[in-house]
Protein backbone atom coordinates (compact mmCIF):
# COMPACT_ATOMS: atom_id res chain seq x y z
CA MET A 1 110.59 6.25 -57.93
CA ASN A 2 112.79 6.59 -54.55
CA THR A 3 113.35 3.44 -52.84
CA ASN A 4 112.42 5.00 -49.61
CA VAL A 5 109.37 5.45 -50.75
CA ALA A 6 108.79 2.04 -52.29
CA LEU A 7 109.44 0.65 -48.95
CA LEU A 8 107.24 2.40 -46.88
CA ASN A 9 104.58 1.86 -49.19
CA ASP A 10 105.19 -2.09 -49.31
CA HIS A 11 106.01 -2.37 -45.58
CA CYS A 12 103.37 0.31 -44.22
CA MET A 13 101.65 -1.54 -41.16
CA ILE A 14 98.79 -0.13 -38.97
CA PRO A 15 99.98 0.18 -35.62
CA VAL A 16 98.12 -0.96 -32.63
CA ILE A 17 97.90 1.61 -29.68
CA LYS A 18 96.70 0.48 -26.60
CA THR A 19 96.26 2.37 -22.65
CA PRO A 20 95.90 0.81 -19.57
CA GLU A 21 92.29 0.64 -19.76
CA ASP A 22 93.30 -1.47 -23.02
CA TYR A 23 95.21 -4.25 -21.08
CA LEU A 24 93.62 -7.48 -19.49
CA VAL A 25 94.75 -8.54 -16.33
CA PHE A 26 94.88 -11.70 -14.74
CA ARG A 27 96.01 -13.99 -11.98
CA ILE A 28 97.45 -17.33 -12.77
CA THR A 29 95.70 -19.05 -10.03
CA PRO A 30 93.96 -17.93 -7.30
CA HIS A 31 96.63 -18.10 -4.52
CA ASP A 32 99.65 -15.82 -6.96
CA THR A 33 100.56 -13.37 -5.43
CA ASN A 34 101.16 -11.81 -8.38
CA ARG A 35 99.37 -10.20 -11.68
CA LEU A 36 99.73 -9.91 -15.03
CA ALA A 37 98.75 -7.57 -17.58
CA ILE A 38 98.78 -8.44 -20.65
CA VAL A 39 99.69 -5.23 -23.22
CA PHE A 40 100.50 -7.38 -26.48
CA ASP A 41 100.83 -10.73 -27.05
CA SER A 42 101.01 -13.35 -30.08
CA SER A 43 96.94 -12.47 -30.67
CA MET A 44 98.11 -8.74 -30.94
CA ALA A 45 101.42 -9.20 -32.62
CA ASP A 46 100.79 -11.79 -35.33
CA ASP A 47 104.26 -12.66 -33.99
CA SER A 48 105.42 -15.16 -30.75
CA LEU A 49 106.09 -12.84 -28.56
CA THR A 50 104.15 -11.33 -25.32
CA VAL A 51 104.71 -7.91 -23.34
CA CYS A 52 102.97 -7.67 -20.07
CA VAL A 53 103.34 -5.79 -17.08
CA GLU A 54 103.89 -7.73 -13.75
CA ILE A 55 102.69 -6.40 -10.89
CA PHE A 56 103.90 -8.42 -7.10
CA ASP A 57 102.08 -7.28 -4.08
CA PRO A 58 104.18 -6.99 -0.67
CA GLY A 59 106.08 -9.97 -0.20
CA GLY A 60 104.42 -11.99 -3.79
CA SER A 61 106.94 -13.86 -6.11
CA THR A 62 106.57 -16.19 -9.20
CA PRO A 63 107.17 -19.44 -8.20
CA THR A 64 110.99 -20.87 -9.46
CA HIS A 65 110.34 -21.94 -13.43
CA ARG A 66 112.20 -22.08 -16.40
CA HIS A 67 111.52 -21.70 -19.92
CA ASN A 68 112.60 -24.04 -22.96
CA PHE A 69 113.11 -21.87 -25.93
CA ALA A 70 112.01 -18.36 -24.78
CA VAL A 71 114.38 -15.48 -23.29
CA GLU A 72 112.83 -13.31 -21.12
CA MET A 73 113.37 -9.75 -20.06
CA PHE A 74 112.09 -7.92 -17.11
CA PHE A 75 112.46 -3.91 -16.72
CA ILE A 76 111.89 -2.74 -13.12
CA LEU A 77 109.64 0.11 -13.24
CA LYS A 78 108.88 0.50 -9.13
CA GLY A 79 109.49 -0.93 -6.33
CA LYS A 80 112.55 -3.25 -4.76
CA GLY A 81 112.75 -6.99 -6.12
CA LEU A 82 115.39 -9.59 -5.98
CA ALA A 83 115.67 -12.13 -8.86
CA VAL A 84 117.48 -15.46 -7.94
CA CYS A 85 118.31 -17.25 -10.88
CA ASP A 86 120.39 -20.62 -10.90
CA GLY A 87 120.86 -19.78 -7.49
CA LYS A 88 122.28 -16.28 -7.59
CA ASP A 89 120.43 -13.38 -5.78
CA ILE A 90 120.53 -10.10 -8.07
CA PRO A 91 118.94 -7.33 -6.23
CA LEU A 92 116.33 -5.25 -8.72
CA HIS A 93 115.51 -1.24 -8.68
CA PRO A 94 113.47 0.90 -10.84
CA GLY A 95 115.72 1.64 -14.09
CA ASP A 96 117.54 -2.26 -13.63
CA SER A 97 116.66 -4.56 -16.33
CA LEU A 98 117.41 -8.69 -16.09
CA LEU A 99 117.63 -10.64 -18.85
CA VAL A 100 116.89 -14.89 -18.54
CA ARG A 101 117.96 -17.00 -21.47
CA PRO A 102 116.37 -20.39 -22.22
CA THR A 103 116.22 -23.03 -19.72
CA GLY A 104 117.71 -20.57 -16.87
CA ILE A 105 115.86 -21.39 -13.55
CA HIS A 106 114.23 -18.14 -11.70
CA GLU A 107 112.06 -16.38 -9.75
CA ILE A 108 111.11 -12.72 -9.31
CA ARG A 109 110.37 -11.68 -5.27
CA ASN A 110 109.19 -8.68 -4.24
CA ILE A 111 111.19 -7.47 -1.00
CA GLY A 112 110.00 -3.93 -0.47
CA GLN A 113 107.40 -2.57 1.45
CA ASP A 114 105.05 -2.01 -1.97
CA ARG A 115 104.47 -3.53 -4.43
CA LEU A 116 106.50 -4.36 -7.55
CA TYR A 117 106.10 -3.27 -10.86
CA ALA A 118 108.15 -5.06 -13.49
CA LEU A 119 107.53 -4.57 -17.83
CA CYS A 120 108.06 -7.90 -19.07
CA PHE A 121 108.83 -9.02 -22.18
CA MET A 122 108.62 -12.93 -23.59
CA VAL A 123 110.11 -13.98 -27.20
CA PRO A 124 108.83 -16.83 -28.23
CA ASN A 125 106.19 -16.75 -26.72
CA GLU A 126 105.95 -20.37 -25.06
CA ASP A 127 102.56 -20.11 -24.06
CA PHE A 128 103.17 -17.91 -21.41
CA SER A 129 100.05 -15.60 -22.99
CA GLU A 130 97.81 -18.30 -23.19
CA LEU A 131 98.61 -19.63 -19.50
CA ILE A 132 98.18 -15.77 -18.16
CA ARG A 133 94.65 -15.56 -20.40
CA ASN A 134 93.38 -18.77 -18.70
CA GLY A 135 94.03 -17.76 -15.31
CA VAL A 136 91.41 -15.59 -12.97
CA ARG A 137 90.42 -12.23 -14.20
CA GLU A 138 91.60 -9.27 -12.28
CA SER A 139 91.75 -5.56 -12.47
CA PHE A 140 93.75 -2.67 -11.96
CA ASP A 141 93.42 -0.16 -8.86
CA GLU A 142 94.12 3.23 -8.56
CA GLU A 143 97.75 2.95 -7.87
CA ASP A 144 97.78 0.04 -10.71
CA LEU A 145 96.45 3.25 -12.93
CA GLN A 146 99.10 5.72 -11.67
CA VAL A 147 102.52 3.78 -12.14
CA LEU A 148 101.52 2.90 -15.40
CA ARG A 149 100.92 6.46 -16.26
CA GLY A 150 104.14 7.40 -15.32
CA GLY A 151 102.67 9.21 -12.30
């Protein structure tokens, strides 16, 4: 028996495929200036991770915070942002990525005139998706859908 075939048969997983219409969108609190759309989380991935699209209104930001165990990575899709990490200002533009290690004190700000869109990964989840899901349910508008579809 071919070893590669045996490995494929033993480890075959049915992939989870989603489109923007499947994503659940929330604000963590009603007063937040950013929305988070859960792409995948622990409940779907059978692993401790969260992947979301974070959408910042003009002038919007996350509160300054840190994660005790999680590594968080942002990939900027559209817009102009500023990360403040452990007191250092880091400009963010489309195509830029930012890795924040555990215990790093950080926030992300939208410093542009339009919305800022970032793909966000957090491993391990550290209750991030639960925090998002306990927030206020929102939805995408046409601008959001256009960005997510690469338009």
